[in-house]
PDB file of all heavy atoms in Angstrom:
ATOM      1  N   PHE A   1     -11.778 -16.510   3.908  1.00  0.00           N
ATOM      2  CA  PHE A   1     -12.640 -16.281   2.753  1.00  0.00           C
ATOM      3  C   PHE A   1     -11.793 -16.313   1.492  1.00  0.00           C
ATOM      4  O   PHE A   1     -10.865 -15.515   1.354  1.00  0.00           O
ATOM      5  CB  PHE A   1     -13.339 -14.925   2.858  1.00  0.00           C
ATOM      6  CG  PHE A   1     -14.198 -14.793   4.088  1.00  0.00           C
ATOM      7  CD1 PHE A   1     -13.692 -14.235   5.250  1.00  0.00           C
ATOM      8  CD2 PHE A   1     -15.508 -15.253   4.078  1.00  0.00           C
ATOM      9  CE1 PHE A   1     -14.477 -14.113   6.381  1.00  0.00           C
ATOM     10  CE2 PHE A   1     -16.307 -15.142   5.211  1.00  0.00           C
ATOM     11  CZ  PHE A   1     -15.787 -14.571   6.369  1.00  0.00           C
ATOM     12  N   GLY A   2     -12.074 -17.228   0.595  1.00  0.00           N
ATOM     13  CA  GLY A   2     -11.360 -17.315  -0.667  1.00  0.00           C
ATOM     14  C   GLY A   2     -11.790 -16.199  -1.604  1.00  0.00           C
ATOM     15  O   GLY A   2     -12.982 -15.941  -1.743  1.00  0.00           O
ATOM     16  N   VAL A   3     -10.819 -15.504  -2.200  1.00  0.00           N
ATOM     17  CA  VAL A   3     -11.099 -14.416  -3.151  1.00  0.00           C
ATOM     18  C   VAL A   3     -10.281 -14.643  -4.418  1.00  0.00           C
ATOM     19  O   VAL A   3      -9.239 -15.292  -4.396  1.00  0.00           O
ATOM     20  CB  VAL A   3     -10.787 -13.030  -2.545  1.00  0.00           C
ATOM     21  CG1 VAL A   3     -11.672 -12.739  -1.350  1.00  0.00           C
ATOM     22  CG2 VAL A   3      -9.318 -12.910  -2.148  1.00  0.00           C
ATOM     23  N   ASP A   4     -10.751 -14.083  -5.522  1.00  0.00           N
ATOM     24  CA  ASP A   4     -10.028 -14.191  -6.790  1.00  0.00           C
ATOM     25  C   ASP A   4      -8.907 -13.166  -6.895  1.00  0.00           C
ATOM     26  O   ASP A   4      -7.885 -13.421  -7.521  1.00  0.00           O
ATOM     27  CB  ASP A   4     -10.986 -14.009  -7.971  1.00  0.00           C
ATOM     28  CG  ASP A   4     -11.970 -15.162  -8.098  1.00  0.00           C
ATOM     29  OD1 ASP A   4     -11.600 -16.306  -7.756  1.00  0.00           O
ATOM     30  OD2 ASP A   4     -13.104 -14.913  -8.527  1.00  0.00           O
ATOM     31  N   ASP A   5      -9.112 -11.983  -6.292  1.00  0.00           N
ATOM     32  CA  ASP A   5      -8.145 -10.889  -6.392  1.00  0.00           C
ATOM     33  C   ASP A   5      -7.955 -10.281  -5.010  1.00  0.00           C
ATOM     34  O   ASP A   5      -8.769  -9.475  -4.553  1.00  0.00           O
ATOM     35  CB  ASP A   5      -8.653  -9.844  -7.383  1.00  0.00           C
ATOM     36  CG  ASP A   5      -7.684  -8.698  -7.607  1.00  0.00           C
ATOM     37  OD1 ASP A   5      -6.771  -8.491  -6.792  1.00  0.00           O
ATOM     38  OD2 ASP A   5      -7.849  -7.990  -8.620  1.00  0.00           O
ATOM     39  N   LEU A   6      -6.882 -10.672  -4.333  1.00  0.00           N
ATOM     40  CA  LEU A   6      -6.634 -10.248  -2.960  1.00  0.00           C
ATOM     41  C   LEU A   6      -6.507  -8.729  -2.856  1.00  0.00           C
ATOM     42  O   LEU A   6      -7.109  -8.113  -1.974  1.00  0.00           O
ATOM     43  CB  LEU A   6      -5.377 -10.924  -2.410  1.00  0.00           C
ATOM     44  CG  LEU A   6      -5.086 -10.656  -0.941  1.00  0.00           C
ATOM     45  CD1 LEU A   6      -6.123 -11.295  -0.051  1.00  0.00           C
ATOM     46  CD2 LEU A   6      -3.698 -11.149  -0.578  1.00  0.00           C
ATOM     47  N   THR A   7      -5.759  -8.116  -3.749  1.00  0.00           N
ATOM     48  CA  THR A   7      -5.543  -6.670  -3.694  1.00  0.00           C
ATOM     49  C   THR A   7      -6.863  -5.918  -3.803  1.00  0.00           C
ATOM     50  O   THR A   7      -7.133  -4.994  -3.024  1.00  0.00           O
ATOM     51  CB  THR A   7      -4.569  -6.226  -4.801  1.00  0.00           C
ATOM     52  OG1 THR A   7      -3.337  -6.932  -4.629  1.00  0.00           O
ATOM     53  CG2 THR A   7      -4.327  -4.740  -4.757  1.00  0.00           C
ATOM     54  N   SER A   8      -7.697  -6.299  -4.729  1.00  0.00           N
ATOM     55  CA  SER A   8      -8.991  -5.648  -4.925  1.00  0.00           C
ATOM     56  C   SER A   8      -9.897  -5.851  -3.707  1.00  0.00           C
ATOM     57  O   SER A   8     -10.544  -4.907  -3.243  1.00  0.00           O
ATOM     58  CB  SER A   8      -9.657  -6.192  -6.182  1.00  0.00           C
ATOM     59  OG  SER A   8     -10.942  -5.635  -6.341  1.00  0.00           O
ATOM     60  N   ALA A   9      -9.943  -7.062  -3.187  1.00  0.00           N
ATOM     61  CA  ALA A   9     -10.780  -7.351  -2.024  1.00  0.00           C
ATOM     62  C   ALA A   9     -10.312  -6.560  -0.807  1.00  0.00           C
ATOM     63  O   ALA A   9     -11.131  -6.031  -0.051  1.00  0.00           O
ATOM     64  CB  ALA A   9     -10.762  -8.848  -1.725  1.00  0.00           C
ATOM     65  N   MET A  10      -8.993  -6.440  -0.638  1.00  0.00           N
ATOM     66  CA  MET A  10      -8.461  -5.665   0.481  1.00  0.00           C
ATOM     67  C   MET A  10      -8.838  -4.192   0.344  1.00  0.00           C
ATOM     68  O   MET A  10      -9.244  -3.563   1.328  1.00  0.00           O
ATOM     69  CB  MET A  10      -6.942  -5.813   0.565  1.00  0.00           C
ATOM     70  CG  MET A  10      -6.490  -7.175   1.056  1.00  0.00           C
ATOM     71  SD  MET A  10      -4.689  -7.331   1.075  1.00  0.00           S
ATOM     72  CE  MET A  10      -4.263  -6.158   2.376  1.00  0.00           C
ATOM     73  N   LYS A  11      -8.719  -3.638  -0.851  1.00  0.00           N
ATOM     74  CA  LYS A  11      -9.066  -2.229  -1.076  1.00  0.00           C
ATOM     75  C   LYS A  11     -10.535  -1.985  -0.758  1.00  0.00           C
ATOM     76  O   LYS A  11     -10.888  -0.978  -0.140  1.00  0.00           O
ATOM     77  CB  LYS A  11      -8.746  -1.811  -2.510  1.00  0.00           C
ATOM     78  CG  LYS A  11      -7.266  -1.619  -2.751  1.00  0.00           C
ATOM     79  CD  LYS A  11      -6.992  -1.191  -4.185  1.00  0.00           C
ATOM     80  CE  LYS A  11      -5.497  -1.085  -4.425  1.00  0.00           C
ATOM     81  NZ  LYS A  11      -5.179  -0.721  -5.808  1.00  0.00           N
ATOM     82  N   ASP A  12     -11.398  -2.895  -1.197  1.00  0.00           N
ATOM     83  CA  ASP A  12     -12.832  -2.755  -0.915  1.00  0.00           C
ATOM     84  C   ASP A  12     -13.099  -2.751   0.587  1.00  0.00           C
ATOM     85  O   ASP A  12     -13.875  -1.935   1.089  1.00  0.00           O
ATOM     86  CB  ASP A  12     -13.634  -3.881  -1.570  1.00  0.00           C
ATOM     87  CG  ASP A  12     -13.710  -3.770  -3.087  1.00  0.00           C
ATOM     88  OD1 ASP A  12     -13.385  -2.687  -3.634  1.00  0.00           O
ATOM     89  OD2 ASP A  12     -14.090  -4.773  -3.720  1.00  0.00           O
ATOM     90  N   LEU A  13     -12.474  -3.674   1.307  1.00  0.00           N
ATOM     91  CA  LEU A  13     -12.699  -3.748   2.753  1.00  0.00           C
ATOM     92  C   LEU A  13     -12.054  -2.584   3.491  1.00  0.00           C
ATOM     93  O   LEU A  13     -12.626  -2.065   4.458  1.00  0.00           O
ATOM     94  CB  LEU A  13     -12.190  -5.085   3.296  1.00  0.00           C
ATOM     95  CG  LEU A  13     -13.032  -6.296   2.897  1.00  0.00           C
ATOM     96  CD1 LEU A  13     -12.364  -7.585   3.354  1.00  0.00           C
ATOM     97  CD2 LEU A  13     -14.440  -6.187   3.466  1.00  0.00           C
ATOM     98  N   GLU A  14     -10.878  -2.152   3.058  1.00  0.00           N
ATOM     99  CA  GLU A  14     -10.229  -0.998   3.689  1.00  0.00           C
ATOM    100  C   GLU A  14     -11.092   0.255   3.544  1.00  0.00           C
ATOM    101  O   GLU A  14     -11.172   1.071   4.465  1.00  0.00           O
ATOM    102  CB  GLU A  14      -8.842  -0.773   3.100  1.00  0.00           C
ATOM    103  CG  GLU A  14      -7.837  -1.810   3.563  1.00  0.00           C
ATOM    104  CD  GLU A  14      -6.506  -1.754   2.844  1.00  0.00           C
ATOM    105  OE1 GLU A  14      -6.451  -1.324   1.673  1.00  0.00           O
ATOM    106  OE2 GLU A  14      -5.515  -2.159   3.469  1.00  0.00           O
ATOM    107  N   ALA A  15     -11.770   0.399   2.403  1.00  0.00           N
ATOM    108  CA  ALA A  15     -12.663   1.538   2.181  1.00  0.00           C
ATOM    109  C   ALA A  15     -13.844   1.514   3.154  1.00  0.00           C
ATOM    110  O   ALA A  15     -14.457   2.541   3.415  1.00  0.00           O
ATOM    111  CB  ALA A  15     -13.167   1.543   0.740  1.00  0.00           C
ATOM    112  N   LYS A  16     -14.121   0.328   3.716  1.00  0.00           N
ATOM    113  CA  LYS A  16     -15.218   0.179   4.675  1.00  0.00           C
ATOM    114  C   LYS A  16     -14.703   0.174   6.112  1.00  0.00           C
ATOM    115  O   LYS A  16     -15.445  -0.142   7.037  1.00  0.00           O
ATOM    116  CB  LYS A  16     -15.988  -1.111   4.380  1.00  0.00           C
ATOM    117  CG  LYS A  16     -16.669  -1.061   3.025  1.00  0.00           C
ATOM    118  CD  LYS A  16     -17.312  -2.370   2.665  1.00  0.00           C
ATOM    119  CE  LYS A  16     -17.917  -2.264   1.269  1.00  0.00           C
ATOM    120  NZ  LYS A  16     -18.424  -3.526   0.778  1.00  0.00           N
ATOM    121  N   GLY A  17     -13.408   0.473   6.297  1.00  0.00           N
ATOM    122  CA  GLY A  17     -12.861   0.599   7.639  1.00  0.00           C
ATOM    123  C   GLY A  17     -12.124  -0.608   8.184  1.00  0.00           C
ATOM    124  O   GLY A  17     -11.694  -0.610   9.331  1.00  0.00           O
ATOM    125  N   VAL A  18     -11.951  -1.641   7.383  1.00  0.00           N
ATOM    126  CA  VAL A  18     -11.230  -2.831   7.844  1.00  0.00           C
ATOM    127  C   VAL A  18      -9.732  -2.555   7.810  1.00  0.00           C
ATOM    128  O   VAL A  18      -9.205  -2.033   6.834  1.00  0.00           O
ATOM    129  CB  VAL A  18     -11.562  -4.059   6.958  1.00  0.00           C
ATOM    130  CG1 VAL A  18     -10.672  -5.248   7.307  1.00  0.00           C
ATOM    131  CG2 VAL A  18     -13.027  -4.424   7.101  1.00  0.00           C
ATOM    132  N   ALA A  19      -9.052  -2.904   8.910  1.00  0.00           N
ATOM    133  CA  ALA A  19      -7.597  -2.755   8.988  1.00  0.00           C
ATOM    134  C   ALA A  19      -6.966  -4.147   8.955  1.00  0.00           C
ATOM    135  O   ALA A  19      -7.340  -5.022   9.742  1.00  0.00           O
ATOM    136  CB  ALA A  19      -7.206  -2.036  10.271  1.00  0.00           C
ATOM    137  N   PHE A  20      -6.032  -4.348   8.058  1.00  0.00           N
ATOM    138  CA  PHE A  20      -5.342  -5.630   7.947  1.00  0.00           C
ATOM    139  C   PHE A  20      -4.094  -5.607   8.812  1.00  0.00           C
ATOM    140  O   PHE A  20      -3.343  -4.631   8.817  1.00  0.00           O
ATOM    141  CB  PHE A  20      -4.996  -5.918   6.482  1.00  0.00           C
ATOM    142  CG  PHE A  20      -6.215  -6.229   5.658  1.00  0.00           C
ATOM    143  CD1 PHE A  20      -6.934  -5.212   5.047  1.00  0.00           C
ATOM    144  CD2 PHE A  20      -6.666  -7.526   5.534  1.00  0.00           C
ATOM    145  CE1 PHE A  20      -8.074  -5.485   4.308  1.00  0.00           C
ATOM    146  CE2 PHE A  20      -7.810  -7.810   4.802  1.00  0.00           C
ATOM    147  CZ  PHE A  20      -8.513  -6.791   4.191  1.00  0.00           C
ATOM    148  N   SER A  21      -3.868  -6.696   9.535  1.00  0.00           N
ATOM    149  CA  SER A  21      -2.711  -6.759  10.435  1.00  0.00           C
ATOM    150  C   SER A  21      -1.454  -7.227   9.710  1.00  0.00           C
ATOM    151  O   SER A  21      -0.350  -6.816  10.067  1.00  0.00           O
ATOM    152  CB  SER A  21      -2.999  -7.687  11.614  1.00  0.00           C
ATOM    153  OG  SER A  21      -3.315  -8.994  11.168  1.00  0.00           O
ATOM    154  N   ARG A  22      -1.620  -8.098   8.714  1.00  0.00           N
ATOM    155  CA  ARG A  22      -0.459  -8.576   7.964  1.00  0.00           C
ATOM    156  C   ARG A  22      -0.916  -9.286   6.701  1.00  0.00           C
ATOM    157  O   ARG A  22      -2.042  -9.769   6.610  1.00  0.00           O
ATOM    158  CB  ARG A  22       0.427  -9.486   8.804  1.00  0.00           C
ATOM    159  CG  ARG A  22      -0.233 -10.778   9.236  1.00  0.00           C
ATOM    160  CD  ARG A  22       0.604 -11.522  10.288  1.00  0.00           C
ATOM    161  NE  ARG A  22      -0.182 -12.574  10.871  1.00  0.00           N
ATOM    162  CZ  ARG A  22       0.037 -13.858  10.725  1.00  0.00           C
ATOM    163  NH1 ARG A  22       1.070 -14.263  10.003  1.00  0.00           N
ATOM    164  NH2 ARG A  22      -0.721 -14.752  11.294  1.00  0.00           N
ATOM    165  N   VAL A  23       0.003  -9.332   5.757  1.00  0.00           N
ATOM    166  CA  VAL A  23      -0.209 -10.070   4.505  1.00  0.00           C
ATOM    167  C   VAL A  23       0.959 -11.035   4.373  1.00  0.00           C
ATOM    168  O   VAL A  23       2.113 -10.650   4.560  1.00  0.00           O
ATOM    169  CB  VAL A  23      -0.271  -9.120   3.289  1.00  0.00           C
ATOM    170  CG1 VAL A  23      -0.394  -9.922   2.000  1.00  0.00           C
ATOM    171  CG2 VAL A  23      -1.425  -8.140   3.437  1.00  0.00           C
ATOM    172  N   VAL A  24       0.651 -12.282   4.071  1.00  0.00           N
ATOM    173  CA  VAL A  24       1.663 -13.326   3.969  1.00  0.00           C
ATOM    174  C   VAL A  24       1.552 -13.972   2.597  1.00  0.00           C
ATOM    175  O   VAL A  24       0.451 -14.296   2.153  1.00  0.00           O
ATOM    176  CB  VAL A  24       1.460 -14.401   5.065  1.00  0.00           C
ATOM    177  CG1 VAL A  24       2.432 -15.544   4.896  1.00  0.00           C
ATOM    178  CG2 VAL A  24       1.556 -13.786   6.449  1.00  0.00           C
TER     179      VAL A  24
END
């Protein structure tokens, strides 16, 4: 999924319980 702001999108999803395995 293409996003304009990776940090913001990650924070939004983490607040909903999404766990990221890695960032490259």
